[in-house]
C-alpha atoms as a PDB file:
ATOM      1  CA  MET A   1      16.339   1.682 -23.836  1.00  0.00           C
ATOM      2  CA  LYS A   2      13.652   4.072 -24.156  1.00  0.00           C
ATOM      3  CA  THR A   3      12.711   6.318 -21.828  1.00  0.00           C
ATOM      4  CA  ASN A   4       8.883   4.906 -21.181  1.00  0.00           C
ATOM      5  CA  ALA A   5      10.777   1.220 -20.526  1.00  0.00           C
ATOM      6  CA  ARG A   6      13.209   2.750 -18.164  1.00  0.00           C
ATOM      7  CA  PHE A   7      10.084   4.194 -16.341  1.00  0.00           C
ATOM      8  CA  ILE A   8       8.371   0.855 -16.306  1.00  0.00           C
ATOM      9  CA  LYS A   9      11.330  -0.895 -15.107  1.00  0.00           C
ATOM     10  CA  SER A  10      12.214   1.592 -12.007  1.00  0.00           C
ATOM     11  CA  ILE A  11       8.360   1.297 -11.078  1.00  0.00           C
ATOM     12  CA  THR A  12       8.264  -2.316 -11.137  1.00  0.00           C
ATOM     13  CA  LYS A  13      11.698  -2.321  -8.904  1.00  0.00           C
ATOM     14  CA  ALA A  14      10.004   0.170  -6.724  1.00  0.00           C
ATOM     15  CA  ALA A  15       6.744  -1.973  -5.982  1.00  0.00           C
ATOM     16  CA  ALA A  16       8.942  -5.004  -5.498  1.00  0.00           C
ATOM     17  CA  GLU A  17      10.912  -3.270  -2.809  1.00  0.00           C
ATOM     18  CA  ASN A  18       7.409  -1.988  -1.045  1.00  0.00           C
ATOM     19  CA  ASP A  19       6.727  -4.496   2.199  1.00  0.00           C
ATOM     20  CA  THR A  20       4.606  -2.302   3.781  1.00  0.00           C
ATOM     21  CA  VAL A  21       2.245  -4.476   5.778  1.00  0.00           C
ATOM     22  CA  MET A  22      -1.374  -3.898   5.008  1.00  0.00           C
ATOM     23  CA  PRO A  23      -4.360  -3.727   7.426  1.00  0.00           C
ATOM     24  CA  TRP A  24      -5.905  -7.061   5.609  1.00  0.00           C
ATOM     25  CA  ALA A  25      -2.760  -9.027   5.892  1.00  0.00           C
ATOM     26  CA  ARG A  26      -3.516 -12.070   7.404  1.00  0.00           C
ATOM     27  CA  GLY A  27      -1.301 -13.067  10.864  1.00  0.00           C
ATOM     28  CA  THR A  28      -1.148 -12.494  14.362  1.00  0.00           C
ATOM     29  CA  ARG A  29      -1.822  -8.387  13.918  1.00  0.00           C
ATOM     30  CA  ARG A  30      -4.972  -9.161  12.471  1.00  0.00           C
ATOM     31  CA  ALA A  31      -6.167 -12.035  14.968  1.00  0.00           C
ATOM     32  CA  ALA A  32      -5.787  -9.399  17.343  1.00  0.00           C
ATOM     33  CA  PHE A  33      -7.737  -6.644  15.758  1.00  0.00           C
ATOM     34  CA  ILE A  34     -10.564  -8.844  15.544  1.00  0.00           C
ATOM     35  CA  ALA A  35     -10.298 -10.183  19.148  1.00  0.00           C
ATOM     36  CA  LYS A  36     -10.674  -6.694  20.201  1.00  0.00           C
ATOM     37  CA  ARG A  37     -13.290  -5.560  17.810  1.00  0.00           C
ATOM     38  CA  ASN A  38     -15.285  -8.425  19.045  1.00  0.00           C
ATOM     39  CA  ALA A  39     -14.517  -7.530  22.773  1.00  0.00           C
ATOM     40  CA  ALA A  40     -15.650  -4.134  22.346  1.00  0.00           C
ATOM     41  CA  GLU A  41     -18.985  -5.370  20.660  1.00  0.00           C
ATOM     42  CA  ALA A  42     -19.577  -7.609  23.437  1.00  0.00           C
ATOM     43  CA  ALA A  43     -18.889  -5.056  25.872  1.00  0.00           C
ATOM     44  CA  GLN A  44     -21.364  -2.764  23.844  1.00  0.00           C
ATOM     45  CA  GLN A  45     -24.287  -5.251  23.930  1.00  0.00           C
ATOM     46  CA  ARG A  46     -23.907  -5.990  27.548  1.00  0.00           C
ATOM     47  CA  LYS A  47     -24.786  -2.127  28.269  1.00  0.00           C
ATOM     48  CA  VAL A  48     -27.498  -2.315  26.097  1.00  0.00           C
ATOM     49  CA  ALA A  49     -29.050  -5.370  27.883  1.00  0.00           C
END
């Protein structure tokens, strides 16, 4: 096996093992973030009005 092919295999293996949760992922964490943001915006609007 050439070095380049071995490198590509190692990169694809590392990418498959990656399980980092991204902030834009759908789910309860994202819903909680959106609710917090909406509450902050509503509080800000109450201060201005």
